[in-house]
Protein backbone atom coordinates (compact mmCIF):
# COMPACT_ATOMS: atom_id res chain seq x y z
CA MET A 1 -92.92 -16.29 54.19
CA LYS A 2 -90.51 -13.96 56.00
CA THR A 3 -86.73 -14.17 56.13
CA GLN A 4 -84.96 -14.66 59.46
CA GLY A 5 -83.83 -11.05 59.33
CA GLU A 6 -87.37 -9.82 58.74
CA ILE A 7 -88.60 -11.79 61.76
CA GLU A 8 -85.80 -10.37 63.91
CA SER A 9 -86.49 -6.85 62.66
CA GLU A 10 -90.23 -7.09 63.39
CA ILE A 11 -89.52 -8.40 66.89
CA SER A 12 -87.06 -5.56 67.55
CA GLU A 13 -89.59 -2.99 66.43
CA CYS A 14 -92.40 -4.65 68.41
CA MET A 15 -90.40 -4.81 71.66
CA GLY A 16 -89.21 -1.22 71.29
CA ARG A 17 -92.76 -0.02 70.71
CA PHE A 18 -93.94 -2.09 73.70
CA GLU A 19 -91.33 -0.48 75.99
CA GLN A 20 -92.31 2.97 74.81
CA GLU A 21 -96.07 2.48 75.09
CA TYR A 22 -96.25 0.22 78.15
CA MET A 23 -93.29 1.31 80.25
CA GLY A 24 -93.47 4.99 79.29
CA ARG A 25 -90.02 5.23 77.76
CA GLY A 26 -88.57 3.70 74.65
CA PRO A 27 -85.14 2.09 74.59
CA LYS A 28 -82.21 3.76 72.89
CA ASP A 29 -81.45 0.58 70.96
CA VAL A 30 -83.08 -2.83 70.41
CA ARG A 31 -81.61 -5.97 68.85
CA ALA A 32 -83.37 -9.30 68.36
CA HIS A 33 -81.72 -12.61 67.51
CA LEU A 34 -83.55 -15.75 66.39
CA ILE A 35 -81.55 -18.83 67.34
CA GLY A 36 -83.49 -22.00 66.54
CA ASP A 37 -86.49 -22.00 68.88
CA LEU A 38 -85.13 -19.12 70.99
CA ILE A 39 -85.49 -15.39 70.54
CA VAL A 40 -83.09 -13.14 72.44
CA VAL A 41 -84.01 -9.45 72.61
CA ARG A 42 -81.51 -6.95 73.97
CA LEU A 43 -82.77 -3.45 74.80
CA SER A 44 -80.37 -0.68 75.79
CA GLY A 45 -81.14 2.51 77.67
CA VAL A 46 -84.51 1.46 79.12
CA LEU A 47 -84.38 2.91 82.63
CA THR A 48 -86.65 5.89 83.26
CA THR A 49 -85.34 8.90 85.15
CA ALA A 50 -87.38 7.83 88.18
CA GLU A 51 -85.87 4.33 88.07
CA GLN A 52 -82.36 5.75 87.81
CA GLN A 53 -83.03 7.94 90.87
CA LEU A 54 -84.45 4.98 92.79
CA VAL A 55 -81.29 2.96 92.20
CA LYS A 56 -79.03 5.92 93.11
CA THR A 57 -80.80 7.03 96.28
CA LEU A 58 -81.56 3.76 98.04
CA VAL A 59 -79.01 1.36 99.46
CA ALA A 60 -77.58 -0.33 96.36
CA ALA A 61 -79.04 -3.81 96.88
CA LYS A 62 -82.44 -2.50 97.99
CA GLY A 63 -82.84 -0.15 95.02
CA ARG A 64 -81.70 -2.81 92.58
CA ASP A 65 -83.99 -5.47 94.03
CA LEU A 66 -87.00 -3.15 94.12
CA LEU A 67 -86.50 -2.07 90.50
CA LYS A 68 -86.08 -5.66 89.29
CA GLU A 69 -89.19 -6.75 91.20
CA VAL A 70 -91.34 -3.96 89.73
CA ARG A 71 -90.09 -4.64 86.19
CA ARG A 72 -90.71 -8.38 86.65
CA HIS A 73 -94.30 -7.73 87.73
CA LEU A 74 -94.92 -5.36 84.82
CA ILE A 75 -93.62 -7.93 82.32
CA GLU A 76 -95.78 -10.67 83.87
CA ILE A 77 -98.88 -8.45 83.67
CA ALA A 78 -98.12 -7.61 80.02
CA ARG A 79 -97.15 -11.19 79.09
CA PRO A 80 -100.44 -11.99 77.28
CA THR A 81 -100.03 -8.90 75.08
CA ILE A 82 -96.38 -9.68 74.31
CA GLU A 83 -97.23 -13.34 73.67
CA VAL A 84 -99.84 -12.49 71.03
CA LYS A 85 -97.42 -10.16 69.25
CA ILE A 86 -94.48 -12.60 69.21
CA GLU A 87 -96.72 -15.48 68.06
CA GLY A 88 -98.13 -13.24 65.32
CA ILE A 89 -94.66 -12.38 64.05
CA THR A 90 -93.18 -15.89 64.22
CA GLY A 91 -96.27 -18.01 63.56
CA VAL A 92 -95.20 -20.26 66.46
CA ASN A 93 -96.62 -20.67 69.98
CA LEU A 94 -94.67 -19.10 72.82
CA VAL A 95 -93.63 -21.54 75.56
CA SER A 96 -91.93 -19.24 78.04
CA LEU A 97 -90.61 -15.74 78.60
CA HIS A 98 -87.59 -14.88 80.72
CA HIS A 99 -86.53 -11.35 81.64
CA ASP A 100 -83.76 -9.48 83.45
CA ILE A 101 -82.54 -5.91 83.66
CA SER A 102 -79.22 -4.42 84.69
CA THR A 103 -79.59 -1.47 87.03
CA SER A 104 -76.00 -0.40 86.38
CA THR A 105 -76.05 -0.39 82.55
CA GLY A 106 -79.76 0.14 81.85
CA GLU A 107 -79.78 -2.89 79.58
CA GLU A 108 -82.71 -5.29 79.52
CA VAL A 109 -82.73 -8.82 78.10
CA VAL A 110 -85.86 -10.77 77.18
CA LEU A 111 -85.63 -14.42 76.15
CA PHE A 112 -88.55 -16.14 74.44
CA THR A 113 -88.73 -19.92 74.12
CA LEU A 114 -90.89 -21.06 71.21
CA ALA A 115 -92.66 -24.40 70.75
CA GLU A 116 -90.48 -24.94 67.65
CA ALA A 117 -88.16 -23.01 65.38
CA PRO A 118 -90.17 -20.74 63.08
CA ALA A 119 -90.07 -21.41 59.37
CA PHE A 120 -88.37 -18.74 57.30
CA ARG A 121 -87.06 -18.35 53.79
CA GLU A 122 -83.49 -17.59 52.85
CA SER A 123 -82.91 -13.97 51.92
CA LYS A 124 -81.95 -13.24 48.31
CA ASN A 125 -78.55 -11.80 49.21
CA ASN A 126 -78.06 -14.46 51.93
CA LYS A 127 -77.58 -11.76 54.58
CA PRO A 128 -80.02 -11.24 57.44
CA ALA A 129 -81.98 -7.99 57.46
CA GLU A 130 -80.93 -5.47 60.08
CA SER A 131 -82.57 -6.52 63.34
CA ARG A 132 -81.52 -3.42 65.21
CA HIS A 133 -83.85 -0.51 65.88
CA THR A 134 -82.96 2.79 67.46
CA PHE A 135 -85.74 4.69 69.21
CA GLN A 136 -85.98 8.38 69.87
CA SER A 137 -87.83 9.64 72.92
CA ASN A 138 -87.86 12.70 75.10
CA ARG A 139 -84.81 12.02 77.23
CA THR A 140 -83.89 14.34 80.03
CA SER A 141 -81.34 12.09 81.67
CA ASN A 142 -77.58 11.95 81.21
CA PHE A 143 -77.55 8.23 82.02
CA ASN A 144 -75.33 6.49 79.49
CA PRO A 145 -75.48 2.67 79.49
CA ALA A 146 -73.02 2.56 76.58
CA GLN A 147 -70.12 3.37 78.90
CA ARG A 148 -69.68 -0.37 79.47
CA SER A 149 -68.49 -2.71 76.77
CA VAL A 150 -70.82 -5.64 76.11
CA THR A 151 -70.34 -8.29 73.45
CA ALA A 152 -73.40 -8.79 71.23
CA LEU A 153 -74.88 -12.22 70.71
CA SER A 154 -74.47 -13.62 67.22
CA PRO A 155 -77.75 -14.25 65.36
CA HIS A 156 -76.34 -17.43 63.83
């Protein structure tokens, strides 16, 4: 049986790999938090260069709406793949998936609702494993989502 931190770490790694393989660009940073029967995944630096240009060149609302719509469709198409991976990591059925992306910060949030809280064992040192993963990719953009201050969600 896994610890809570191990579950969070595997989900972070899985979602980062998914972004890189499916969306064509990995995030700069991924954090996952297991809170009862909810999983919150926060991905930073996910916008591709093309997406950044789309948001900059179109009228603000139109570019934002178009980008969000495309990302929503891509997540819905990939949902079966993501579902299998999350269920494999947690051992619990996925009930729903919610998604949003900020076009100004390049941060994406994915919320998974599970049928029940996954079982996990307490870690030996009573501290959760690091659930944060940093990804390296070929970045040609100067876009920096870290310029804004955002408070992280607590995993407990």
